[in-house]
PDB file of N, CA and C in Angstrom:
ATOM      1  N   MET A   1      15.746   7.030  -9.274  1.00  0.00           N
ATOM      2  CA  MET A   1      14.890   6.412 -10.262  1.00  0.00           C
ATOM      3  C   MET A   1      14.158   5.245  -9.600  1.00  0.00           C
ATOM      4  N   MET A   2      12.895   5.074  -9.938  1.00  0.00           N
ATOM      5  CA  MET A   2      12.094   3.989  -9.386  1.00  0.00           C
ATOM      6  C   MET A   2      11.824   2.957 -10.485  1.00  0.00           C
ATOM      7  N   LYS A   3      11.943   1.687 -10.108  1.00  0.00           N
ATOM      8  CA  LYS A   3      11.733   0.589 -11.053  1.00  0.00           C
ATOM      9  C   LYS A   3      10.559  -0.258 -10.563  1.00  0.00           C
ATOM     10  N   LEU A   4       9.623  -0.549 -11.455  1.00  0.00           N
ATOM     11  CA  LEU A   4       8.500  -1.415 -11.122  1.00  0.00           C
ATOM     12  C   LEU A   4       9.025  -2.821 -10.875  1.00  0.00           C
ATOM     13  N   VAL A   5       8.747  -3.377  -9.680  1.00  0.00           N
ATOM     14  CA  VAL A   5       9.230  -4.714  -9.359  1.00  0.00           C
ATOM     15  C   VAL A   5       8.094  -5.712  -9.134  1.00  0.00           C
ATOM     16  N   GLU A   6       6.869  -5.216  -8.985  1.00  0.00           N
ATOM     17  CA  GLU A   6       5.759  -6.141  -8.740  1.00  0.00           C
ATOM     18  C   GLU A   6       4.433  -5.466  -9.035  1.00  0.00           C
ATOM     19  N   GLU A   7       3.530  -6.225  -9.624  1.00  0.00           N
ATOM     20  CA  GLU A   7       2.134  -5.822  -9.759  1.00  0.00           C
ATOM     21  C   GLU A   7       1.296  -6.971  -9.229  1.00  0.00           C
ATOM     22  N   SER A   8       0.275  -6.636  -8.473  1.00  0.00           N
ATOM     23  CA  SER A   8      -0.534  -7.673  -7.848  1.00  0.00           C
ATOM     24  C   SER A   8      -1.975  -7.194  -7.739  1.00  0.00           C
ATOM     25  N   ALA A   9      -2.900  -8.136  -7.825  1.00  0.00           N
ATOM     26  CA  ALA A   9      -4.317  -7.836  -7.655  1.00  0.00           C
ATOM     27  C   ALA A   9      -4.963  -9.025  -6.972  1.00  0.00           C
ATOM     28  N   GLY A  10      -5.997  -8.763  -6.205  1.00  0.00           N
ATOM     29  CA  GLY A  10      -6.691  -9.845  -5.525  1.00  0.00           C
ATOM     30  C   GLY A  10      -7.667  -9.295  -4.508  1.00  0.00           C
ATOM     31  N   VAL A  11      -8.010 -10.150  -3.549  1.00  0.00           N
ATOM     32  CA  VAL A  11      -8.892  -9.768  -2.453  1.00  0.00           C
ATOM     33  C   VAL A  11      -8.090  -9.902  -1.174  1.00  0.00           C
ATOM     34  N   GLY A  12      -8.064  -8.829  -0.393  1.00  0.00           N
ATOM     35  CA  GLY A  12      -7.302  -8.828   0.848  1.00  0.00           C
ATOM     36  C   GLY A  12      -8.129  -8.256   1.984  1.00  0.00           C
ATOM     37  N   GLU A  13      -7.449  -7.983   3.100  1.00  0.00           N
ATOM     38  CA  GLU A  13      -8.120  -7.444   4.281  1.00  0.00           C
ATOM     39  C   GLU A  13      -7.570  -6.066   4.595  1.00  0.00           C
ATOM     40  N   LEU A  14      -8.460  -5.096   4.743  1.00  0.00           N
ATOM     41  CA  LEU A  14      -8.091  -3.749   5.152  1.00  0.00           C
ATOM     42  C   LEU A  14      -8.096  -3.713   6.671  1.00  0.00           C
ATOM     43  N   MET A  15      -6.992  -3.236   7.271  1.00  0.00           N
ATOM     44  CA  MET A  15      -6.861  -3.271   8.725  1.00  0.00           C
ATOM     45  C   MET A  15      -6.503  -1.893   9.277  1.00  0.00           C
ATOM     46  N   LEU A  16      -6.954  -1.648  10.497  1.00  0.00           N
ATOM     47  CA  LEU A  16      -6.623  -0.444  11.242  1.00  0.00           C
ATOM     48  C   LEU A  16      -6.250  -0.872  12.648  1.00  0.00           C
ATOM     49  N   ASN A  17      -5.060  -0.507  13.093  1.00  0.00           N
ATOM     50  CA  ASN A  17      -4.569  -0.875  14.428  1.00  0.00           C
ATOM     51  C   ASN A  17      -4.641  -2.379  14.677  1.00  0.00           C
ATOM     52  N   GLY A  18      -4.329  -3.164  13.661  1.00  0.00           N
ATOM     53  CA  GLY A  18      -4.305  -4.616  13.794  1.00  0.00           C
ATOM     54  C   GLY A  18      -5.660  -5.297  13.703  1.00  0.00           C
ATOM     55  N   GLN A  19      -6.722  -4.530  13.597  1.00  0.00           N
ATOM     56  CA  GLN A  19      -8.074  -5.082  13.508  1.00  0.00           C
ATOM     57  C   GLN A  19      -8.560  -5.044  12.062  1.00  0.00           C
ATOM     58  N   VAL A  20      -9.119  -6.165  11.609  1.00  0.00           N
ATOM     59  CA  VAL A  20      -9.643  -6.231  10.240  1.00  0.00           C
ATOM     60  C   VAL A  20     -10.926  -5.413  10.162  1.00  0.00           C
ATOM     61  N   LEU A  21     -10.952  -4.461   9.228  1.00  0.00           N
ATOM     62  CA  LEU A  21     -12.152  -3.658   8.999  1.00  0.00           C
ATOM     63  C   LEU A  21     -13.103  -4.368   8.044  1.00  0.00           C
ATOM     64  N   ARG A  22     -12.549  -4.870   6.940  1.00  0.00           N
ATOM     65  CA  ARG A  22     -13.353  -5.618   5.970  1.00  0.00           C
ATOM     66  C   ARG A  22     -12.458  -6.122   4.856  1.00  0.00           C
ATOM     67  N   GLN A  23     -13.019  -7.006   4.031  1.00  0.00           N
ATOM     68  CA  GLN A  23     -12.306  -7.486   2.851  1.00  0.00           C
ATOM     69  C   GLN A  23     -12.451  -6.446   1.745  1.00  0.00           C
ATOM     70  N   VAL A  24     -11.380  -6.308   0.964  1.00  0.00           N
ATOM     71  CA  VAL A  24     -11.386  -5.352  -0.149  1.00  0.00           C
ATOM     72  C   VAL A  24     -10.688  -5.959  -1.356  1.00  0.00           C
ATOM     73  N   GLY A  25     -11.165  -5.611  -2.517  1.00  0.00           N
ATOM     74  CA  GLY A  25     -10.421  -5.915  -3.731  1.00  0.00           C
ATOM     75  C   GLY A  25      -9.292  -4.903  -3.836  1.00  0.00           C
ATOM     76  N   TYR A  26      -8.156  -5.316  -4.364  1.00  0.00           N
ATOM     77  CA  TYR A  26      -7.018  -4.394  -4.471  1.00  0.00           C
ATOM     78  C   TYR A  26      -6.249  -4.623  -5.757  1.00  0.00           C
ATOM     79  N   ARG A  27      -5.546  -3.575  -6.154  1.00  0.00           N
ATOM     80  CA  ARG A  27      -4.559  -3.594  -7.245  1.00  0.00           C
ATOM     81  C   ARG A  27      -3.396  -2.761  -6.757  1.00  0.00           C
ATOM     82  N   ILE A  28      -2.200  -3.339  -6.758  1.00  0.00           N
ATOM     83  CA  ILE A  28      -1.036  -2.578  -6.317  1.00  0.00           C
ATOM     84  C   ILE A  28       0.107  -2.707  -7.316  1.00  0.00           C
ATOM     85  N   SER A  29       0.927  -1.685  -7.331  1.00  0.00           N
ATOM     86  CA  SER A  29       2.194  -1.689  -8.059  1.00  0.00           C
ATOM     87  C   SER A  29       3.255  -1.316  -7.035  1.00  0.00           C
ATOM     88  N   ARG A  30       4.307  -2.128  -6.954  1.00  0.00           N
ATOM     89  CA  ARG A  30       5.384  -1.866  -5.996  1.00  0.00           C
ATOM     90  C   ARG A  30       6.642  -1.495  -6.764  1.00  0.00           C
ATOM     91  N   TYR A  31       7.253  -0.404  -6.364  1.00  0.00           N
ATOM     92  CA  TYR A  31       8.444   0.130  -7.020  1.00  0.00           C
ATOM     93  C   TYR A  31       9.628   0.085  -6.060  1.00  0.00           C
ATOM     94  N   GLN A  32      10.811  -0.146  -6.606  1.00  0.00           N
ATOM     95  CA  GLN A  32      12.059  -0.163  -5.845  1.00  0.00           C
ATOM     96  C   GLN A  32      12.946   0.956  -6.376  1.00  0.00           C
ATOM     97  N   GLY A  33      13.524   1.731  -5.471  1.00  0.00           N
ATOM     98  CA  GLY A  33      14.488   2.744  -5.880  1.00  0.00           C
ATOM     99  C   GLY A  33      15.761   2.077  -6.372  1.00  0.00           C
ATOM    100  N   VAL A  34      16.296   2.543  -7.475  1.00  0.00           N
ATOM    101  CA  VAL A  34      17.536   1.993  -8.028  1.00  0.00           C
ATOM    102  C   VAL A  34      18.479   3.138  -8.377  1.00  0.00           C
ATOM    103  N   VAL A  35      19.772   2.834  -8.343  1.00  0.00           N
ATOM    104  CA  VAL A  35      20.792   3.807  -8.720  1.00  0.00           C
ATOM    105  C   VAL A  35      20.779   3.941 -10.239  1.00  0.00           C
ATOM    106  N   GLU A  36      20.622   5.167 -10.698  1.00  0.00           N
ATOM    107  CA  GLU A  36      20.597   5.408 -12.141  1.00  0.00           C
ATOM    108  C   GLU A  36      21.945   5.032 -12.745  1.00  0.00           C
ATOM    109  N   GLY A  37      21.906   4.349 -13.845  1.00  0.00           N
ATOM    110  CA  GLY A  37      23.136   3.914 -14.514  1.00  0.00           C
ATOM    111  C   GLY A  37      23.463   2.475 -14.195  1.00  0.00           C
ATOM    112  N   SER A  38      23.652   2.158 -12.901  1.00  0.00           N
ATOM    113  CA  SER A  38      24.026   0.789 -12.533  1.00  0.00           C
ATOM    114  C   SER A  38      22.810  -0.107 -12.337  1.00  0.00           C
ATOM    115  N   GLY A  39      21.673   0.486 -11.963  1.00  0.00           N
ATOM    116  CA  GLY A  39      20.479  -0.314 -11.722  1.00  0.00           C
ATOM    117  C   GLY A  39      20.479  -1.038 -10.389  1.00  0.00           C
ATOM    118  N   LEU A  40      21.489  -0.781  -9.543  1.00  0.00           N
ATOM    119  CA  LEU A  40      21.540  -1.428  -8.233  1.00  0.00           C
ATOM    120  C   LEU A  40      20.423  -0.895  -7.344  1.00  0.00           C
ATOM    121  N   PRO A  41      19.772  -1.779  -6.557  1.00  0.00           N
ATOM    122  CA  PRO A  41      18.689  -1.327  -5.684  1.00  0.00           C
ATOM    123  C   PRO A  41      19.216  -0.436  -4.560  1.00  0.00           C
ATOM    124  N   ILE A  42      18.398   0.527  -4.169  1.00  0.00           N
ATOM    125  CA  ILE A  42      18.698   1.387  -3.030  1.00  0.00           C
ATOM    126  C   ILE A  42      17.908   0.833  -1.848  1.00  0.00           C
ATOM    127  N   PRO A  43      18.586   0.231  -0.864  1.00  0.00           N
ATOM    128  CA  PRO A  43      17.876  -0.363   0.273  1.00  0.00           C
ATOM    129  C   PRO A  43      16.974   0.662   0.962  1.00  0.00           C
ATOM    130  N   GLY A  44      15.758   0.236   1.261  1.00  0.00           N
ATOM    131  CA  GLY A  44      14.825   1.085   1.989  1.00  0.00           C
ATOM    132  C   GLY A  44      14.035   2.061   1.156  1.00  0.00           C
ATOM    133  N   LEU A  45      14.337   2.188  -0.123  1.00  0.00           N
ATOM    134  CA  LEU A  45      13.599   3.130  -0.962  1.00  0.00           C
ATOM    135  C   LEU A  45      12.572   2.364  -1.790  1.00  0.00           C
ATOM    136  N   HIS A  46      11.337   2.343  -1.290  1.00  0.00           N
ATOM    137  CA  HIS A  46      10.234   1.626  -1.927  1.00  0.00           C
ATOM    138  C   HIS A  46       9.031   2.549  -2.020  1.00  0.00           C
ATOM    139  N   ARG A  47       8.147   2.250  -2.954  1.00  0.00           N
ATOM    140  CA  ARG A  47       6.884   2.965  -3.070  1.00  0.00           C
ATOM    141  C   ARG A  47       5.821   1.966  -3.510  1.00  0.00           C
ATOM    142  N   VAL A  48       4.652   2.071  -2.913  1.00  0.00           N
ATOM    143  CA  VAL A  48       3.502   1.253  -3.296  1.00  0.00           C
ATOM    144  C   VAL A  48       2.401   2.208  -3.735  1.00  0.00           C
ATOM    145  N   GLU A  49       1.838   1.949  -4.899  1.00  0.00           N
ATOM    146  CA  GLU A  49       0.716   2.727  -5.421  1.00  0.00           C
ATOM    147  C   GLU A  49      -0.363   1.750  -5.848  1.00  0.00           C
ATOM    148  N   GLY A  50      -1.596   2.200  -5.832  1.00  0.00           N
ATOM    149  CA  GLY A  50      -2.662   1.334  -6.306  1.00  0.00           C
ATOM    150  C   GLY A  50      -4.017   1.812  -5.849  1.00  0.00           C
ATOM    151  N   SER A  51      -4.929   0.853  -5.731  1.00  0.00           N
ATOM    152  CA  SER A  51      -6.282   1.195  -5.314  1.00  0.00           C
ATOM    153  C   SER A  51      -6.930   0.007  -4.620  1.00  0.00           C
ATOM    154  N   ILE A  52      -7.925   0.337  -3.794  1.00  0.00           N
ATOM    155  CA  ILE A  52      -8.759  -0.677  -3.154  1.00  0.00           C
ATOM    156  C   ILE A  52     -10.212  -0.334  -3.463  1.00  0.00           C
ATOM    157  N   ASP A  53     -11.086  -1.335  -3.319  1.00  0.00           N
ATOM    158  CA  ASP A  53     -12.517  -1.074  -3.433  1.00  0.00           C
ATOM    159  C   ASP A  53     -12.908  -0.247  -2.221  1.00  0.00           C
ATOM    160  N   PHE A  54     -13.361   0.961  -2.445  1.00  0.00           N
ATOM    161  CA  PHE A  54     -13.706   1.868  -1.355  1.00  0.00           C
ATOM    162  C   PHE A  54     -14.992   2.569  -1.703  1.00  0.00           C
ATOM    163  N   ASP A  55     -15.976   2.462  -0.834  1.00  0.00           N
ATOM    164  CA  ASP A  55     -17.273   3.090  -1.045  1.00  0.00           C
ATOM    165  C   ASP A  55     -17.446   4.185   0.001  1.00  0.00           C
ATOM    166  N   PRO A  56     -17.337   5.458  -0.394  1.00  0.00           N
ATOM    167  CA  PRO A  56     -17.441   6.532   0.583  1.00  0.00           C
ATOM    168  C   PRO A  56     -18.776   6.534   1.326  1.00  0.00           C
ATOM    169  N   GLY A  57     -19.803   5.932   0.735  1.00  0.00           N
ATOM    170  CA  GLY A  57     -21.095   5.847   1.405  1.00  0.00           C
ATOM    171  C   GLY A  57     -21.111   4.840   2.537  1.00  0.00           C
ATOM    172  N   MET A  58     -20.276   3.798   2.431  1.00  0.00           N
ATOM    173  CA  MET A  58     -20.235   2.745   3.456  1.00  0.00           C
ATOM    174  C   MET A  58     -19.006   2.855   4.350  1.00  0.00           C
ATOM    175  N   ASP A  59     -17.884   3.288   3.790  1.00  0.00           N
ATOM    176  CA  ASP A  59     -16.634   3.336   4.534  1.00  0.00           C
ATOM    177  C   ASP A  59     -16.459   4.704   5.181  1.00  0.00           C
ATOM    178  N   SER A  60     -15.831   4.712   6.321  1.00  0.00           N
ATOM    179  CA  SER A  60     -15.629   5.941   7.075  1.00  0.00           C
ATOM    180  C   SER A  60     -14.682   6.885   6.349  1.00  0.00           C
ATOM    181  N   ALA A  61     -15.084   8.143   6.250  1.00  0.00           N
ATOM    182  CA  ALA A  61     -14.192   9.152   5.671  1.00  0.00           C
ATOM    183  C   ALA A  61     -12.974   9.348   6.564  1.00  0.00           C
ATOM    184  N   GLY A  62     -13.067   8.943   7.838  1.00  0.00           N
ATOM    185  CA  GLY A  62     -11.953   9.050   8.773  1.00  0.00           C
ATOM    186  C   GLY A  62     -10.783   8.154   8.419  1.00  0.00           C
ATOM    187  N   LEU A  63     -10.974   7.238   7.484  1.00  0.00           N
ATOM    188  CA  LEU A  63      -9.880   6.356   7.072  1.00  0.00           C
ATOM    189  C   LEU A  63      -8.901   7.063   6.143  1.00  0.00           C
ATOM    190  N   THR A  64      -9.345   8.124   5.489  1.00  0.00           N
ATOM    191  CA  THR A  64      -8.466   8.862   4.586  1.00  0.00           C
ATOM    192  C   THR A  64      -7.330   9.484   5.383  1.00  0.00           C
ATOM    193  N   GLY A  65      -6.109   9.154   5.000  1.00  0.00           N
ATOM    194  CA  GLY A  65      -4.927   9.680   5.673  1.00  0.00           C
ATOM    195  C   GLY A  65      -4.478   8.880   6.883  1.00  0.00           C
ATOM    196  N   ALA A  66      -5.275   7.902   7.312  1.00  0.00           N
ATOM    197  CA  ALA A  66      -4.918   7.086   8.481  1.00  0.00           C
ATOM    198  C   ALA A  66      -3.862   6.046   8.110  1.00  0.00           C
ATOM    199  N   ALA A  67      -3.097   5.619   9.105  1.00  0.00           N
ATOM    200  CA  ALA A  67      -2.092   4.563   8.910  1.00  0.00           C
ATOM    201  C   ALA A  67      -2.816   3.220   8.897  1.00  0.00           C
ATOM    202  N   LEU A  68      -3.078   2.711   7.709  1.00  0.00           N
ATOM    203  CA  LEU A  68      -3.795   1.453   7.526  1.00  0.00           C
ATOM    204  C   LEU A  68      -2.819   0.358   7.128  1.00  0.00           C
ATOM    205  N   ALA A  69      -3.317  -0.857   7.109  1.00  0.00           N
ATOM    206  CA  ALA A  69      -2.541  -1.989   6.608  1.00  0.00           C
ATOM    207  C   ALA A  69      -3.433  -2.776   5.658  1.00  0.00           C
ATOM    208  N   LEU A  70      -2.807  -3.381   4.675  1.00  0.00           N
ATOM    209  CA  LEU A  70      -3.518  -4.212   3.709  1.00  0.00           C
ATOM    210  C   LEU A  70      -2.864  -5.583   3.702  1.00  0.00           C
ATOM    211  N   ARG A  71      -3.623  -6.598   4.133  1.00  0.00           N
ATOM    212  CA  ARG A  71      -3.124  -7.975   4.072  1.00  0.00           C
ATOM    213  C   ARG A  71      -3.476  -8.516   2.701  1.00  0.00           C
ATOM    214  N   LEU A  72      -2.430  -8.837   1.935  1.00  0.00           N
ATOM    215  CA  LEU A  72      -2.617  -9.347   0.583  1.00  0.00           C
ATOM    216  C   LEU A  72      -3.041 -10.804   0.612  1.00  0.00           C
ATOM    217  N   GLN A  73      -3.518 -11.290  -0.515  1.00  0.00           N
ATOM    218  CA  GLN A  73      -3.953 -12.678  -0.643  1.00  0.00           C
ATOM    219  C   GLN A  73      -2.857 -13.662  -0.273  1.00  0.00           C
ATOM    220  N   ASP A  74      -1.593 -13.305  -0.524  1.00  0.00           N
ATOM    221  CA  ASP A  74      -0.488 -14.222  -0.226  1.00  0.00           C
ATOM    222  C   ASP A  74      -0.014 -14.135   1.225  1.00  0.00           C
ATOM    223  N   GLY A  75      -0.676 -13.309   2.046  1.00  0.00           N
ATOM    224  CA  GLY A  75      -0.355 -13.227   3.470  1.00  0.00           C
ATOM    225  C   GLY A  75       0.525 -12.057   3.864  1.00  0.00           C
ATOM    226  N   ARG A  76       1.195 -11.426   2.901  1.00  0.00           N
ATOM    227  CA  ARG A  76       2.010 -10.253   3.240  1.00  0.00           C
ATOM    228  C   ARG A  76       1.113  -9.108   3.692  1.00  0.00           C
ATOM    229  N   VAL A  77       1.654  -8.267   4.571  1.00  0.00           N
ATOM    230  CA  VAL A  77       0.923  -7.096   5.051  1.00  0.00           C
ATOM    231  C   VAL A  77       1.715  -5.851   4.676  1.00  0.00           C
ATOM    232  N   LEU A  78       1.056  -4.929   3.976  1.00  0.00           N
ATOM    233  CA  LEU A  78       1.682  -3.681   3.562  1.00  0.00           C
ATOM    234  C   LEU A  78       1.073  -2.523   4.331  1.00  0.00           C
ATOM    235  N   GLY A  79       1.906  -1.632   4.836  1.00  0.00           N
ATOM    236  CA  GLY A  79       1.417  -0.391   5.414  1.00  0.00           C
ATOM    237  C   GLY A  79       1.000   0.526   4.284  1.00  0.00           C
ATOM    238  N   ILE A  80      -0.212   1.066   4.362  1.00  0.00           N
ATOM    239  CA  ILE A  80      -0.728   1.924   3.290  1.00  0.00           C
ATOM    240  C   ILE A  80      -1.419   3.147   3.877  1.00  0.00           C
ATOM    241  N   THR A  81      -1.640   4.122   3.015  1.00  0.00           N
ATOM    242  CA  THR A  81      -2.449   5.288   3.342  1.00  0.00           C
ATOM    243  C   THR A  81      -3.497   5.435   2.254  1.00  0.00           C
ATOM    244  N   LEU A  82      -4.740   5.622   2.661  1.00  0.00           N
ATOM    245  CA  LEU A  82      -5.830   5.876   1.725  1.00  0.00           C
ATOM    246  C   LEU A  82      -5.790   7.359   1.366  1.00  0.00           C
ATOM    247  N   VAL A  83      -5.703   7.653   0.076  1.00  0.00           N
ATOM    248  CA  VAL A  83      -5.568   9.030  -0.402  1.00  0.00           C
ATOM    249  C   VAL A  83      -6.876   9.426  -1.080  1.00  0.00           C
ATOM    250  N   GLY A  84      -7.696  10.206  -0.424  1.00  0.00           N
ATOM    251  CA  GLY A  84      -8.971  10.626  -0.990  1.00  0.00           C
ATOM    252  C   GLY A  84     -10.038   9.556  -0.821  1.00  0.00           C
ATOM    253  N   ASN A  85     -11.224   9.825  -1.349  1.00  0.00           N
ATOM    254  CA  ASN A  85     -12.335   8.883  -1.158  1.00  0.00           C
ATOM    255  C   ASN A  85     -12.637   8.049  -2.397  1.00  0.00           C
ATOM    256  N   GLU A  86     -11.690   8.008  -3.352  1.00  0.00           N
ATOM    257  CA  GLU A  86     -11.902   7.182  -4.547  1.00  0.00           C
ATOM    258  C   GLU A  86     -11.198   5.834  -4.452  1.00  0.00           C
ATOM    259  N   GLY A  87     -10.518   5.563  -3.323  1.00  0.00           N
ATOM    260  CA  GLY A  87      -9.884   4.266  -3.128  1.00  0.00           C
ATOM    261  C   GLY A  87      -8.411   4.208  -3.473  1.00  0.00           C
ATOM    262  N   ARG A  88      -7.812   5.333  -3.850  1.00  0.00           N
ATOM    263  CA  ARG A  88      -6.384   5.331  -4.189  1.00  0.00           C
ATOM    264  C   ARG A  88      -5.558   5.138  -2.925  1.00  0.00           C
ATOM    265  N   ILE A  89      -4.535   4.264  -3.014  1.00  0.00           N
ATOM    266  CA  ILE A  89      -3.647   4.016  -1.880  1.00  0.00           C
ATOM    267  C   ILE A  89      -2.213   4.346  -2.261  1.00  0.00           C
ATOM    268  N   PHE A  90      -1.427   4.635  -1.229  1.00  0.00           N
ATOM    269  CA  PHE A  90      -0.041   5.048  -1.436  1.00  0.00           C
ATOM    270  C   PHE A  90       0.762   4.688  -0.194  1.00  0.00           C
ATOM    271  N   SER A  91       2.005   4.343  -0.399  1.00  0.00           N
ATOM    272  CA  SER A  91       2.923   4.101   0.709  1.00  0.00           C
ATOM    273  C   SER A  91       4.330   4.368   0.213  1.00  0.00           C
ATOM    274  N   GLU A  92       5.129   4.943   1.073  1.00  0.00           N
ATOM    275  CA  GLU A  92       6.506   5.227   0.706  1.00  0.00           C
ATOM    276  C   GLU A  92       7.328   5.166   1.980  1.00  0.00           C
ATOM    277  N   GLY A  93       8.503   4.584   1.909  1.00  0.00           N
ATOM    278  CA  GLY A  93       9.334   4.584   3.106  1.00  0.00           C
ATOM    279  C   GLY A  93      10.241   3.397   3.217  1.00  0.00           C
ATOM    280  N   HIS A  94      10.196   2.766   4.378  1.00  0.00           N
ATOM    281  CA  HIS A  94      11.142   1.726   4.760  1.00  0.00           C
ATOM    282  C   HIS A  94      10.806   0.352   4.191  1.00  0.00           C
ATOM    283  N   GLY A  95      10.571   0.258   2.940  1.00  0.00           N
ATOM    284  CA  GLY A  95      10.365  -1.044   2.324  1.00  0.00           C
ATOM    285  C   GLY A  95       8.917  -1.463   2.315  1.00  0.00           C
ATOM    286  N   PRO A  96       8.649  -2.646   1.771  1.00  0.00           N
ATOM    287  CA  PRO A  96       7.270  -3.084   1.584  1.00  0.00           C
ATOM    288  C   PRO A  96       6.534  -3.326   2.897  1.00  0.00           C
ATOM    289  N   MET A  97       7.253  -3.525   4.002  1.00  0.00           N
ATOM    290  CA  MET A  97       6.585  -3.734   5.287  1.00  0.00           C
ATOM    291  C   MET A  97       6.490  -2.430   6.068  1.00  0.00           C
ATOM    292  N   ARG A  98       6.921  -1.336   5.532  1.00  0.00           N
ATOM    293  CA  ARG A  98       6.916   0.026   6.057  1.00  0.00           C
ATOM    294  C   ARG A  98       6.576   0.146   7.539  1.00  0.00           C
ATOM    295  N   CYS A  99       7.446   0.827   8.255  1.00  0.00           N
ATOM    296  CA  CYS A  99       7.140   1.147   9.647  1.00  0.00           C
ATOM    297  C   CYS A  99       6.091   2.255   9.648  1.00  0.00           C
ATOM    298  N   PHE A 100       5.491   2.519  10.777  1.00  0.00           N
ATOM    299  CA  PHE A 100       4.493   3.577  10.859  1.00  0.00           C
ATOM    300  C   PHE A 100       5.056   4.832  11.516  1.00  0.00           C
ATOM    301  N   CYS A 101       6.393   4.962  11.580  1.00  0.00           N
ATOM    302  CA  CYS A 101       7.003   6.133  12.213  1.00  0.00           C
ATOM    303  C   CYS A 101       7.169   7.293  11.243  1.00  0.00           C
ATOM    304  N   CYS A 102       7.081   7.046   9.945  1.00  0.00           N
ATOM    305  CA  CYS A 102       7.299   8.153   9.002  1.00  0.00           C
ATOM    306  C   CYS A 102       6.391   8.015   7.796  1.00  0.00           C
TER     307      CYS A 102
END
């Protein structure tokens, strides 16, 4: 079971290979896996869903599916994947700082 633990919106930086591509508006929801019944968190089971401002006319279609990073307004950096050309983002794996190995 996944539990919503954070919602955030603001202006951040979209990055590829450590290089800032541009500033983007974002909205994210972060979920934590929890044990059904007890509600205890499951370490390492996180999911991030949301969207960024993405203009397929200006932004490279090559970014879809690439291992990107989003630096939030508060300085945290989340590993994300752009899903399609409408700006939807998704991340799942080793916590909010997600490694890029899986």
